[in-house]
Amino acid sequence: LLAQCRPARTAQFLWSYGADGGEFNGVRFDAFAKDMPLDRIDEDVLIVYEMNGAPLAPEHGFPARLVVPGFYGTNSVKWLTRMTLADRRADSPFTTRWYNDPVLDAGQPTGDTTPVWSIAPESLIVAPGADAVVTAAAETQIWGWAWADGGVARVDVSTDACKTWRRTEVEPPGGREWQRFSCTWTPTQPGAVSLAARATGCNGISQ
């Protein structure tokens, strides 16, 4: 579609509009609108009109919706009505007021913001699960899943409530699939234990 539109060289963003409008948090709007940089639109960004061989269901965005893998779901605009190419970010409240994170310097807000686009590194311990009982002095496997836009480079786990961390083995990135991580752990004493996981993306950003 972009090739057929022959974008001007000044175009840097794609604005996408959905059919849903109304009022949110005291602000009225005619249509839900989001944007994304044009250089993000490669072969895996889709305009979807079917799912599993059937027309897209209304709750999934019939007649068409965007699907932007690696971006948070709010960027995959449902009930798509139109798209616009522009040299700047969209002026929608969903791009200027909401869905922006503060830029911090030494933990303090700078007054600048960054768009909530790419999925940040996340990880989840599957086993041992909550309230699991493991045997002291016996080897136990800790494993789970990690994901991030662009893939996960490493996952560290803590067995002492985040006081110390140890590196795990992580499956290499495979497209946009979640990546399994694991390590062995031998509890040294009885009592309650707090486990934690921390993923780091291939871009160097940590969970």
N, C-alpha and C. Protein backbone atom coordinates (compact mmCIF):
# COMPACT_ATOMS: atom_id res chain seq x y z
N LEU A 1 0.83 -1.21 0.00
CA LEU A 1 0.00 0.00 0.00
C LEU A 1 0.86 1.25 0.00
N LEU A 2 1.90 1.25 0.81
CA LEU A 2 2.77 2.43 0.85
C LEU A 2 3.45 2.65 -0.49
N ALA A 3 3.88 1.57 -1.11
CA ALA A 3 4.53 1.71 -2.41
C ALA A 3 3.58 2.32 -3.43
N GLN A 4 2.31 1.91 -3.40
CA GLN A 4 1.33 2.46 -4.34
C GLN A 4 1.04 3.93 -4.06
N CYS A 5 1.16 4.31 -2.78
CA CYS A 5 0.89 5.72 -2.42
C CYS A 5 2.07 6.64 -2.78
N ARG A 6 3.22 6.06 -3.00
CA ARG A 6 4.44 6.82 -3.33
C ARG A 6 4.64 7.98 -2.34
N PRO A 7 5.01 7.67 -1.10
CA PRO A 7 5.14 8.70 -0.06
C PRO A 7 6.17 9.77 -0.45
N ALA A 8 5.87 10.99 -0.08
CA ALA A 8 6.81 12.08 -0.27
C ALA A 8 8.03 11.85 0.62
N ARG A 9 9.15 12.41 0.25
CA ARG A 9 10.37 12.22 1.03
C ARG A 9 10.25 12.81 2.43
N THR A 10 9.34 13.76 2.60
CA THR A 10 9.17 14.40 3.91
C THR A 10 8.34 13.54 4.87
N ALA A 11 7.68 12.51 4.35
CA ALA A 11 6.83 11.66 5.21
C ALA A 11 7.68 10.87 6.19
N GLN A 12 7.32 10.95 7.47
CA GLN A 12 8.06 10.23 8.50
C GLN A 12 7.16 9.36 9.38
N PHE A 13 5.86 9.65 9.40
CA PHE A 13 4.94 8.93 10.28
C PHE A 13 3.70 8.49 9.53
N LEU A 14 3.12 7.39 9.99
CA LEU A 14 1.82 6.92 9.51
C LEU A 14 0.80 7.16 10.61
N TRP A 15 -0.26 7.92 10.30
CA TRP A 15 -1.35 8.13 11.24
C TRP A 15 -2.48 7.16 10.88
N SER A 16 -3.02 6.48 11.88
CA SER A 16 -4.10 5.51 11.66
C SER A 16 -5.30 5.86 12.52
N TYR A 17 -6.49 5.83 11.92
CA TYR A 17 -7.72 6.23 12.60
C TYR A 17 -8.68 5.05 12.68
N GLY A 18 -9.30 4.87 13.85
CA GLY A 18 -10.33 3.87 14.03
C GLY A 18 -11.71 4.52 14.07
N ALA A 19 -12.74 3.70 13.93
CA ALA A 19 -14.10 4.22 13.90
C ALA A 19 -14.65 4.56 15.27
N ASP A 20 -13.95 4.16 16.34
CA ASP A 20 -14.48 4.39 17.69
C ASP A 20 -14.12 5.80 18.17
N GLY A 21 -15.15 6.51 18.60
CA GLY A 21 -14.99 7.85 19.14
C GLY A 21 -15.82 7.98 20.41
N GLY A 22 -15.72 9.14 21.05
CA GLY A 22 -16.52 9.34 22.27
C GLY A 22 -15.79 10.20 23.26
N GLU A 23 -15.82 9.77 24.53
CA GLU A 23 -15.18 10.52 25.60
C GLU A 23 -14.32 9.59 26.44
N PHE A 24 -13.11 10.03 26.74
CA PHE A 24 -12.20 9.26 27.57
C PHE A 24 -11.51 10.20 28.54
N ASN A 25 -11.65 9.90 29.82
CA ASN A 25 -10.97 10.69 30.85
C ASN A 25 -11.30 12.17 30.74
N GLY A 26 -12.57 12.45 30.39
CA GLY A 26 -13.02 13.83 30.30
C GLY A 26 -12.69 14.54 29.01
N VAL A 27 -12.09 13.83 28.05
CA VAL A 27 -11.73 14.44 26.77
C VAL A 27 -12.54 13.78 25.67
N ARG A 28 -13.21 14.60 24.85
CA ARG A 28 -13.98 14.07 23.72
C ARG A 28 -13.09 13.98 22.49
N PHE A 29 -13.32 12.95 21.68
CA PHE A 29 -12.54 12.77 20.45
C PHE A 29 -13.44 12.13 19.40
N ASP A 30 -13.17 12.46 18.15
CA ASP A 30 -13.97 11.94 17.04
C ASP A 30 -13.56 10.52 16.66
N ALA A 31 -12.28 10.20 16.80
CA ALA A 31 -11.79 8.88 16.41
C ALA A 31 -10.52 8.56 17.20
N PHE A 32 -10.39 7.28 17.54
CA PHE A 32 -9.14 6.82 18.14
C PHE A 32 -8.06 6.89 17.07
N ALA A 33 -6.96 7.57 17.35
CA ALA A 33 -5.90 7.76 16.36
C ALA A 33 -4.55 7.52 17.00
N LYS A 34 -3.73 6.75 16.33
CA LYS A 34 -2.35 6.50 16.77
C LYS A 34 -1.41 6.71 15.59
N ASP A 35 -0.12 6.76 15.91
CA ASP A 35 0.87 6.92 14.85
C ASP A 35 2.03 5.97 15.08
N MET A 36 2.85 5.82 14.06
CA MET A 36 4.08 5.05 14.17
C MET A 36 5.06 5.57 13.13
N PRO A 37 6.37 5.43 13.40
CA PRO A 37 7.35 5.88 12.42
C PRO A 37 7.33 5.01 11.17
N LEU A 38 7.51 5.64 10.02
CA LEU A 38 7.47 4.89 8.77
C LEU A 38 8.56 3.81 8.71
N ASP A 39 9.71 4.06 9.35
CA ASP A 39 10.78 3.07 9.27
C ASP A 39 10.47 1.82 10.09
N ARG A 40 9.35 1.81 10.83
CA ARG A 40 8.93 0.62 11.57
C ARG A 40 8.06 -0.29 10.69
N ILE A 41 7.56 0.25 9.61
CA ILE A 41 6.63 -0.51 8.78
C ILE A 41 7.43 -1.36 7.81
N ASP A 42 7.74 -2.59 8.21
CA ASP A 42 8.42 -3.52 7.33
C ASP A 42 7.47 -4.65 6.97
N GLU A 43 8.02 -5.81 6.67
CA GLU A 43 7.17 -6.89 6.15
C GLU A 43 6.23 -7.49 7.19
N ASP A 44 6.39 -7.19 8.48
CA ASP A 44 5.53 -7.84 9.47
C ASP A 44 4.41 -6.96 10.00
N VAL A 45 4.27 -5.73 9.53
CA VAL A 45 3.12 -4.90 9.90
C VAL A 45 1.99 -5.19 8.91
N LEU A 46 0.82 -5.50 9.44
CA LEU A 46 -0.28 -5.99 8.60
C LEU A 46 -1.52 -5.12 8.72
N ILE A 47 -2.28 -5.06 7.62
CA ILE A 47 -3.68 -4.65 7.68
C ILE A 47 -4.50 -5.93 7.58
N VAL A 48 -5.18 -6.27 8.67
CA VAL A 48 -5.83 -7.58 8.79
C VAL A 48 -7.32 -7.45 8.53
N TYR A 49 -7.84 -8.30 7.67
CA TYR A 49 -9.28 -8.34 7.40
C TYR A 49 -9.86 -9.74 7.56
N GLU A 50 -9.00 -10.76 7.76
CA GLU A 50 -9.43 -12.12 8.02
C GLU A 50 -8.64 -12.70 9.18
N MET A 51 -9.22 -13.67 9.85
CA MET A 51 -8.52 -14.41 10.89
C MET A 51 -8.94 -15.86 10.80
N ASN A 52 -7.97 -16.77 10.65
CA ASN A 52 -8.26 -18.20 10.50
C ASN A 52 -9.22 -18.48 9.35
N GLY A 53 -9.06 -17.74 8.25
CA GLY A 53 -9.85 -17.98 7.05
C GLY A 53 -11.25 -17.40 7.06
N ALA A 54 -11.61 -16.68 8.11
CA ALA A 54 -12.95 -16.09 8.20
C ALA A 54 -12.82 -14.58 8.34
N PRO A 55 -13.87 -13.83 7.94
CA PRO A 55 -13.81 -12.38 8.10
C PRO A 55 -13.54 -12.01 9.55
N LEU A 56 -12.83 -10.94 9.74
CA LEU A 56 -12.50 -10.47 11.08
C LEU A 56 -13.78 -10.21 11.88
N ALA A 57 -13.84 -10.71 13.11
CA ALA A 57 -15.01 -10.50 13.95
C ALA A 57 -15.07 -9.05 14.42
N PRO A 58 -16.28 -8.52 14.69
CA PRO A 58 -16.40 -7.13 15.13
C PRO A 58 -15.54 -6.81 16.34
N GLU A 59 -15.49 -7.72 17.32
CA GLU A 59 -14.70 -7.43 18.52
C GLU A 59 -13.20 -7.38 18.24
N HIS A 60 -12.79 -7.93 17.10
CA HIS A 60 -11.37 -7.89 16.74
C HIS A 60 -11.06 -6.77 15.74
N GLY A 61 -12.08 -5.97 15.36
CA GLY A 61 -11.80 -4.80 14.54
C GLY A 61 -12.37 -4.80 13.14
N PHE A 62 -13.38 -5.64 12.85
CA PHE A 62 -14.02 -5.67 11.52
C PHE A 62 -14.38 -4.25 11.07
N PRO A 63 -14.16 -3.89 9.82
CA PRO A 63 -13.75 -4.77 8.71
C PRO A 63 -12.25 -4.93 8.54
N ALA A 64 -11.46 -4.06 9.18
CA ALA A 64 -10.01 -4.17 9.06
C ALA A 64 -9.35 -3.52 10.27
N ARG A 65 -8.16 -4.01 10.61
CA ARG A 65 -7.41 -3.43 11.71
C ARG A 65 -5.92 -3.54 11.41
N LEU A 66 -5.14 -2.72 12.07
CA LEU A 66 -3.70 -2.87 12.02
C LEU A 66 -3.25 -3.94 13.00
N VAL A 67 -2.19 -4.63 12.67
CA VAL A 67 -1.47 -5.48 13.62
C VAL A 67 -0.01 -5.10 13.51
N VAL A 68 0.54 -4.61 14.63
CA VAL A 68 1.93 -4.14 14.66
C VAL A 68 2.71 -5.04 15.62
N PRO A 69 3.28 -6.13 15.16
CA PRO A 69 4.03 -7.02 16.04
C PRO A 69 5.18 -6.29 16.73
N GLY A 70 5.35 -6.58 18.02
CA GLY A 70 6.42 -5.94 18.77
C GLY A 70 6.05 -4.62 19.40
N PHE A 71 4.90 -4.05 19.01
CA PHE A 71 4.38 -2.83 19.63
C PHE A 71 3.23 -3.20 20.55
N TYR A 72 3.00 -2.39 21.57
CA TYR A 72 1.87 -2.63 22.47
C TYR A 72 0.56 -2.59 21.68
N GLY A 73 -0.44 -3.35 22.16
CA GLY A 73 -1.68 -3.53 21.42
C GLY A 73 -2.43 -2.26 21.11
N THR A 74 -2.25 -1.21 21.90
CA THR A 74 -2.95 0.05 21.63
C THR A 74 -2.54 0.65 20.30
N ASN A 75 -1.42 0.22 19.74
CA ASN A 75 -0.98 0.72 18.43
C ASN A 75 -1.61 -0.04 17.27
N SER A 76 -2.22 -1.18 17.55
CA SER A 76 -2.88 -1.98 16.50
C SER A 76 -4.33 -1.52 16.39
N VAL A 77 -4.54 -0.41 15.69
CA VAL A 77 -5.83 0.28 15.65
C VAL A 77 -6.92 -0.62 15.06
N LYS A 78 -8.02 -0.75 15.78
CA LYS A 78 -9.17 -1.53 15.32
C LYS A 78 -10.13 -0.66 14.52
N TRP A 79 -11.03 -1.32 13.79
CA TRP A 79 -12.09 -0.64 13.01
C TRP A 79 -11.50 0.47 12.15
N LEU A 80 -10.43 0.11 11.44
CA LEU A 80 -9.63 1.06 10.68
C LEU A 80 -10.48 1.75 9.61
N THR A 81 -10.43 3.08 9.60
CA THR A 81 -11.20 3.85 8.62
C THR A 81 -10.31 4.59 7.63
N ARG A 82 -9.17 5.11 8.08
CA ARG A 82 -8.28 5.81 7.16
C ARG A 82 -6.88 5.89 7.76
N MET A 83 -5.92 6.14 6.86
CA MET A 83 -4.53 6.33 7.26
C MET A 83 -3.96 7.53 6.50
N THR A 84 -3.06 8.23 7.15
CA THR A 84 -2.47 9.44 6.59
C THR A 84 -0.97 9.42 6.80
N LEU A 85 -0.23 9.86 5.80
CA LEU A 85 1.21 10.02 5.92
C LEU A 85 1.50 11.48 6.29
N ALA A 86 2.47 11.67 7.20
CA ALA A 86 2.76 13.02 7.68
C ALA A 86 4.24 13.16 8.02
N ASP A 87 4.65 14.41 8.16
CA ASP A 87 6.04 14.70 8.51
C ASP A 87 6.22 14.90 10.00
N ARG A 88 5.19 14.63 10.79
CA ARG A 88 5.23 14.85 12.24
C ARG A 88 4.31 13.84 12.91
N ARG A 89 4.37 13.77 14.23
CA ARG A 89 3.50 12.89 14.98
C ARG A 89 2.05 13.40 14.91
N ALA A 90 1.10 12.48 15.10
CA ALA A 90 -0.31 12.83 15.06
C ALA A 90 -0.67 13.73 16.24
N ASP A 91 -1.69 14.56 16.05
CA ASP A 91 -2.11 15.49 17.10
C ASP A 91 -3.28 14.95 17.91
N SER A 92 -3.45 13.64 17.93
CA SER A 92 -4.49 12.99 18.70
C SER A 92 -4.14 13.03 20.19
N PRO A 93 -5.16 13.10 21.08
CA PRO A 93 -4.84 13.02 22.51
C PRO A 93 -4.21 11.69 22.89
N PHE A 94 -4.39 10.66 22.04
CA PHE A 94 -3.79 9.36 22.33
C PHE A 94 -2.32 9.30 21.91
N THR A 95 -1.82 10.37 21.30
CA THR A 95 -0.40 10.45 20.99
C THR A 95 0.28 11.62 21.71
N THR A 96 -0.49 12.63 22.05
CA THR A 96 0.10 13.81 22.70
C THR A 96 -0.11 13.83 24.21
N ARG A 97 -1.25 13.27 24.67
CA ARG A 97 -1.58 13.34 26.09
C ARG A 97 -1.38 12.01 26.79
N TRP A 98 -1.79 10.93 26.13
CA TRP A 98 -1.70 9.60 26.73
C TRP A 98 -0.73 8.72 25.94
N TYR A 99 -0.40 7.59 26.53
CA TYR A 99 0.51 6.61 25.91
C TYR A 99 1.88 7.22 25.63
N ASN A 100 2.37 8.00 26.58
CA ASN A 100 3.73 8.51 26.55
C ASN A 100 4.36 8.29 27.92
N ASP A 101 5.61 7.86 27.93
CA ASP A 101 6.33 7.65 29.19
C ASP A 101 7.27 8.82 29.45
N PRO A 102 7.42 9.23 30.71
CA PRO A 102 8.36 10.30 31.02
C PRO A 102 9.81 9.87 30.79
N VAL A 103 10.61 10.77 30.27
CA VAL A 103 12.05 10.53 30.14
C VAL A 103 12.72 10.94 31.44
N LEU A 104 13.48 10.02 32.03
CA LEU A 104 14.09 10.25 33.33
C LEU A 104 15.58 10.50 33.20
N ASP A 105 16.11 11.28 34.11
CA ASP A 105 17.55 11.50 34.24
C ASP A 105 17.91 11.27 35.70
N ALA A 106 18.67 10.21 35.95
CA ALA A 106 19.01 9.82 37.33
C ALA A 106 17.75 9.62 38.16
N GLY A 107 16.70 9.08 37.52
CA GLY A 107 15.46 8.80 38.22
C GLY A 107 14.50 9.95 38.33
N GLN A 108 14.88 11.12 37.82
CA GLN A 108 14.02 12.29 37.92
C GLN A 108 13.46 12.67 36.55
N PRO A 109 12.17 13.08 36.49
CA PRO A 109 11.58 13.48 35.21
C PRO A 109 12.30 14.68 34.61
N THR A 110 12.50 14.64 33.28
CA THR A 110 13.15 15.75 32.58
C THR A 110 12.15 16.70 31.95
N GLY A 111 10.86 16.28 31.92
CA GLY A 111 9.85 17.07 31.24
C GLY A 111 9.59 16.57 29.82
N ASP A 112 10.50 15.75 29.30
CA ASP A 112 10.31 15.15 27.97
C ASP A 112 9.60 13.81 28.12
N THR A 113 9.00 13.36 27.02
CA THR A 113 8.33 12.07 27.02
C THR A 113 8.76 11.27 25.80
N THR A 114 8.52 9.98 25.86
CA THR A 114 8.80 9.10 24.73
C THR A 114 7.56 8.26 24.45
N PRO A 115 7.23 8.01 23.18
CA PRO A 115 6.00 7.27 22.86
C PRO A 115 6.03 5.84 23.39
N VAL A 116 4.87 5.34 23.80
CA VAL A 116 4.74 3.94 24.21
C VAL A 116 4.50 3.13 22.93
N TRP A 117 5.57 2.72 22.31
CA TRP A 117 5.52 1.93 21.08
C TRP A 117 6.02 0.51 21.33
N SER A 118 7.32 0.33 21.37
CA SER A 118 7.91 -1.01 21.47
C SER A 118 7.61 -1.65 22.83
N ILE A 119 7.36 -2.96 22.79
CA ILE A 119 7.14 -3.71 24.02
C ILE A 119 8.45 -3.80 24.78
N ALA A 120 8.44 -3.35 26.01
CA ALA A 120 9.64 -3.36 26.85
C ALA A 120 9.96 -4.78 27.29
N PRO A 121 11.22 -5.04 27.66
CA PRO A 121 11.59 -6.38 28.13
C PRO A 121 10.77 -6.80 29.35
N GLU A 122 10.24 -8.00 29.29
CA GLU A 122 9.45 -8.57 30.38
C GLU A 122 9.84 -10.03 30.55
N SER A 123 9.67 -10.54 31.76
CA SER A 123 9.93 -11.95 32.01
C SER A 123 8.98 -12.47 33.08
N LEU A 124 8.77 -13.77 33.05
CA LEU A 124 7.82 -14.42 33.96
C LEU A 124 8.37 -15.78 34.37
N ILE A 125 8.50 -16.00 35.66
CA ILE A 125 8.92 -17.31 36.17
C ILE A 125 7.70 -18.24 36.18
N VAL A 126 7.84 -19.37 35.52
CA VAL A 126 6.76 -20.37 35.48
C VAL A 126 6.93 -21.37 36.62
N ALA A 127 8.15 -21.81 36.85
CA ALA A 127 8.41 -22.80 37.90
C ALA A 127 9.75 -22.49 38.57
N PRO A 128 9.80 -22.66 39.89
CA PRO A 128 8.70 -23.03 40.80
C PRO A 128 7.61 -21.96 40.83
N GLY A 129 6.37 -22.41 40.91
CA GLY A 129 5.26 -21.49 40.95
C GLY A 129 5.03 -20.91 42.33
N ALA A 130 4.09 -19.99 42.40
CA ALA A 130 3.75 -19.38 43.69
C ALA A 130 3.30 -20.47 44.67
N ASP A 131 3.80 -20.38 45.89
CA ASP A 131 3.46 -21.31 46.97
C ASP A 131 3.99 -22.72 46.74
N ALA A 132 4.91 -22.87 45.77
CA ALA A 132 5.50 -24.19 45.56
C ALA A 132 6.41 -24.55 46.73
N VAL A 133 6.52 -25.84 47.00
CA VAL A 133 7.41 -26.33 48.05
C VAL A 133 8.55 -27.08 47.38
N VAL A 134 9.78 -26.66 47.66
CA VAL A 134 10.96 -27.34 47.12
C VAL A 134 11.78 -27.88 48.29
N THR A 135 12.66 -28.81 47.98
CA THR A 135 13.44 -29.48 49.02
C THR A 135 14.78 -28.80 49.21
N ALA A 136 15.11 -28.45 50.45
CA ALA A 136 16.41 -27.86 50.75
C ALA A 136 17.52 -28.83 50.40
N ALA A 137 18.62 -28.28 49.86
CA ALA A 137 19.80 -29.06 49.48
C ALA A 137 19.57 -29.94 48.26
N ALA A 138 18.40 -29.80 47.60
CA ALA A 138 18.12 -30.56 46.39
C ALA A 138 18.09 -29.60 45.20
N GLU A 139 18.67 -30.02 44.09
CA GLU A 139 18.73 -29.16 42.90
C GLU A 139 17.34 -28.95 42.31
N THR A 140 16.99 -27.69 42.06
CA THR A 140 15.69 -27.32 41.52
C THR A 140 15.91 -26.47 40.27
N GLN A 141 15.07 -26.68 39.28
CA GLN A 141 15.17 -25.86 38.06
C GLN A 141 14.22 -24.67 38.15
N ILE A 142 14.76 -23.51 37.88
CA ILE A 142 13.95 -22.30 37.72
C ILE A 142 13.85 -22.03 36.21
N TRP A 143 12.62 -21.89 35.72
CA TRP A 143 12.49 -21.58 34.30
C TRP A 143 11.26 -20.70 34.07
N GLY A 144 11.25 -20.05 32.92
CA GLY A 144 10.13 -19.18 32.58
C GLY A 144 10.27 -18.66 31.17
N TRP A 145 9.53 -17.58 30.88
CA TRP A 145 9.49 -16.99 29.54
C TRP A 145 9.86 -15.52 29.62
N ALA A 146 10.52 -15.05 28.55
CA ALA A 146 10.88 -13.63 28.44
C ALA A 146 10.55 -13.16 27.03
N TRP A 147 10.26 -11.86 26.90
CA TRP A 147 9.91 -11.32 25.58
C TRP A 147 10.22 -9.82 25.55
N ALA A 148 10.45 -9.32 24.35
CA ALA A 148 10.71 -7.89 24.13
C ALA A 148 10.70 -7.64 22.63
N ASP A 149 10.36 -6.42 22.25
CA ASP A 149 10.47 -6.05 20.84
C ASP A 149 11.94 -6.08 20.46
N GLY A 150 12.28 -6.89 19.46
CA GLY A 150 13.67 -7.03 19.07
C GLY A 150 14.38 -8.19 19.72
N GLY A 151 13.72 -8.87 20.66
CA GLY A 151 14.32 -10.04 21.29
C GLY A 151 14.98 -9.75 22.62
N VAL A 152 15.20 -10.82 23.38
CA VAL A 152 15.81 -10.74 24.71
C VAL A 152 17.23 -11.29 24.63
N ALA A 153 18.19 -10.54 25.16
CA ALA A 153 19.59 -10.94 25.13
C ALA A 153 20.00 -11.75 26.35
N ARG A 154 19.41 -11.44 27.51
CA ARG A 154 19.76 -12.16 28.73
C ARG A 154 18.63 -12.05 29.75
N VAL A 155 18.61 -13.01 30.66
CA VAL A 155 17.68 -12.98 31.79
C VAL A 155 18.46 -13.35 33.04
N ASP A 156 18.32 -12.56 34.08
CA ASP A 156 18.92 -12.85 35.37
C ASP A 156 17.82 -13.19 36.37
N VAL A 157 18.12 -14.09 37.29
CA VAL A 157 17.15 -14.43 38.32
C VAL A 157 17.77 -14.19 39.69
N SER A 158 16.90 -13.93 40.65
CA SER A 158 17.31 -13.73 42.04
C SER A 158 16.55 -14.70 42.92
N THR A 159 17.23 -15.28 43.88
CA THR A 159 16.59 -16.18 44.85
C THR A 159 16.61 -15.59 46.25
N ASP A 160 16.98 -14.31 46.35
CA ASP A 160 17.03 -13.66 47.67
C ASP A 160 16.39 -12.28 47.66
N ALA A 161 15.21 -12.21 47.01
CA ALA A 161 14.42 -10.96 46.99
C ALA A 161 15.19 -9.80 46.37
N CYS A 162 15.89 -10.08 45.26
CA CYS A 162 16.56 -9.07 44.44
C CYS A 162 17.83 -8.49 45.07
N LYS A 163 18.39 -9.18 46.06
CA LYS A 163 19.66 -8.71 46.63
C LYS A 163 20.83 -9.06 45.72
N THR A 164 20.81 -10.26 45.16
CA THR A 164 21.84 -10.68 44.21
C THR A 164 21.16 -11.32 43.01
N TRP A 165 21.90 -11.36 41.88
CA TRP A 165 21.35 -11.88 40.63
C TRP A 165 22.33 -12.86 40.01
N ARG A 166 21.80 -13.81 39.28
CA ARG A 166 22.63 -14.76 38.54
C ARG A 166 22.06 -14.93 37.14
N ARG A 167 22.94 -15.14 36.17
CA ARG A 167 22.54 -15.24 34.77
C ARG A 167 21.97 -16.62 34.47
N THR A 168 21.00 -16.66 33.56
CA THR A 168 20.38 -17.91 33.15
C THR A 168 20.76 -18.24 31.71
N GLU A 169 20.39 -19.44 31.28
CA GLU A 169 20.50 -19.80 29.87
C GLU A 169 19.21 -19.35 29.17
N VAL A 170 19.36 -18.67 28.05
CA VAL A 170 18.21 -18.12 27.32
C VAL A 170 18.23 -18.64 25.89
N GLU A 171 17.07 -19.12 25.43
CA GLU A 171 16.96 -19.52 24.03
C GLU A 171 17.24 -18.31 23.14
N PRO A 172 17.88 -18.51 21.99
CA PRO A 172 18.11 -17.39 21.07
C PRO A 172 16.80 -16.88 20.51
N PRO A 173 16.75 -15.60 20.11
CA PRO A 173 15.51 -15.06 19.53
C PRO A 173 15.11 -15.85 18.29
N GLY A 174 13.81 -16.10 18.16
CA GLY A 174 13.26 -16.79 17.00
C GLY A 174 12.08 -16.03 16.46
N GLY A 175 12.35 -15.02 15.64
CA GLY A 175 11.25 -14.15 15.19
C GLY A 175 10.72 -13.36 16.36
N ARG A 176 9.42 -13.44 16.56
CA ARG A 176 8.80 -12.71 17.67
C ARG A 176 8.27 -13.66 18.75
N GLU A 177 8.79 -14.88 18.78
CA GLU A 177 8.37 -15.83 19.79
C GLU A 177 8.92 -15.46 21.17
N TRP A 178 8.22 -15.87 22.21
CA TRP A 178 8.76 -15.75 23.55
C TRP A 178 9.99 -16.65 23.65
N GLN A 179 10.90 -16.29 24.54
CA GLN A 179 12.14 -17.04 24.71
C GLN A 179 12.17 -17.69 26.10
N ARG A 180 12.51 -18.97 26.13
CA ARG A 180 12.57 -19.70 27.38
C ARG A 180 13.91 -19.46 28.06
N PHE A 181 13.87 -19.25 29.36
CA PHE A 181 15.10 -19.14 30.14
C PHE A 181 15.06 -20.16 31.28
N SER A 182 16.25 -20.57 31.75
CA SER A 182 16.30 -21.56 32.82
C SER A 182 17.65 -21.53 33.52
N CYS A 183 17.66 -22.01 34.76
CA CYS A 183 18.89 -22.22 35.51
C CYS A 183 18.59 -23.20 36.64
N THR A 184 19.62 -23.77 37.22
CA THR A 184 19.44 -24.66 38.36
C THR A 184 19.74 -23.89 39.64
N TRP A 185 19.07 -24.31 40.70
CA TRP A 185 19.20 -23.64 42.00
C TRP A 185 19.09 -24.67 43.10
N THR A 186 19.99 -24.59 44.06
CA THR A 186 19.95 -25.50 45.19
C THR A 186 19.71 -24.70 46.46
N PRO A 187 18.50 -24.76 47.02
CA PRO A 187 18.23 -24.03 48.27
C PRO A 187 19.17 -24.50 49.38
N THR A 188 19.66 -23.58 50.15
CA THR A 188 20.64 -23.93 51.20
C THR A 188 20.04 -23.97 52.59
N GLN A 189 18.84 -23.42 52.74
CA GLN A 189 18.24 -23.42 54.08
C GLN A 189 16.72 -23.39 53.96
N PRO A 190 16.02 -23.85 54.97
CA PRO A 190 14.55 -23.85 54.93
C PRO A 190 14.00 -22.44 55.12
N GLY A 191 12.72 -22.27 54.76
CA GLY A 191 12.06 -20.99 54.95
C GLY A 191 11.53 -20.45 53.63
N ALA A 192 10.80 -19.36 53.75
CA ALA A 192 10.20 -18.73 52.57
C ALA A 192 11.28 -18.09 51.71
N VAL A 193 11.11 -18.20 50.40
CA VAL A 193 12.06 -17.64 49.44
C VAL A 193 11.30 -16.81 48.41
N SER A 194 11.85 -15.63 48.07
CA SER A 194 11.26 -14.78 47.05
C SER A 194 12.10 -14.85 45.79
N LEU A 195 11.51 -15.32 44.69
CA LEU A 195 12.19 -15.42 43.41
C LEU A 195 11.81 -14.24 42.53
N ALA A 196 12.74 -13.84 41.66
CA ALA A 196 12.48 -12.75 40.73
C ALA A 196 13.27 -12.98 39.46
N ALA A 197 12.78 -12.43 38.35
CA ALA A 197 13.46 -12.51 37.07
C ALA A 197 13.56 -11.12 36.47
N ARG A 198 14.64 -10.88 35.72
CA ARG A 198 14.85 -9.57 35.09
C ARG A 198 15.43 -9.79 33.70
N ALA A 199 14.68 -9.36 32.69
CA ALA A 199 15.10 -9.54 31.30
C ALA A 199 15.81 -8.29 30.79
N THR A 200 16.74 -8.50 29.87
CA THR A 200 17.41 -7.41 29.18
C THR A 200 17.27 -7.63 27.68
N GLY A 201 16.75 -6.62 27.00
CA GLY A 201 16.53 -6.73 25.57
C GLY A 201 17.81 -6.66 24.77
N CYS A 202 17.73 -7.03 23.50
CA CYS A 202 18.89 -6.95 22.62
C CYS A 202 19.35 -5.51 22.40
N ASN A 203 18.48 -4.56 22.74
CA ASN A 203 18.84 -3.14 22.64
C ASN A 203 19.52 -2.62 23.91
N GLY A 204 19.73 -3.51 24.90
CA GLY A 204 20.40 -3.12 26.13
C GLY A 204 19.50 -2.59 27.23
N ILE A 205 18.21 -2.44 26.94
CA ILE A 205 17.27 -1.94 27.94
C ILE A 205 16.84 -3.08 28.86
N SER A 206 16.87 -2.84 30.17
CA SER A 206 16.50 -3.87 31.15
C SER A 206 15.09 -3.68 31.67
N GLN A 207 14.51 -4.77 32.08
CA GLN A 207 13.17 -4.78 32.66
C GLN A 207 13.15 -3.94 33.93
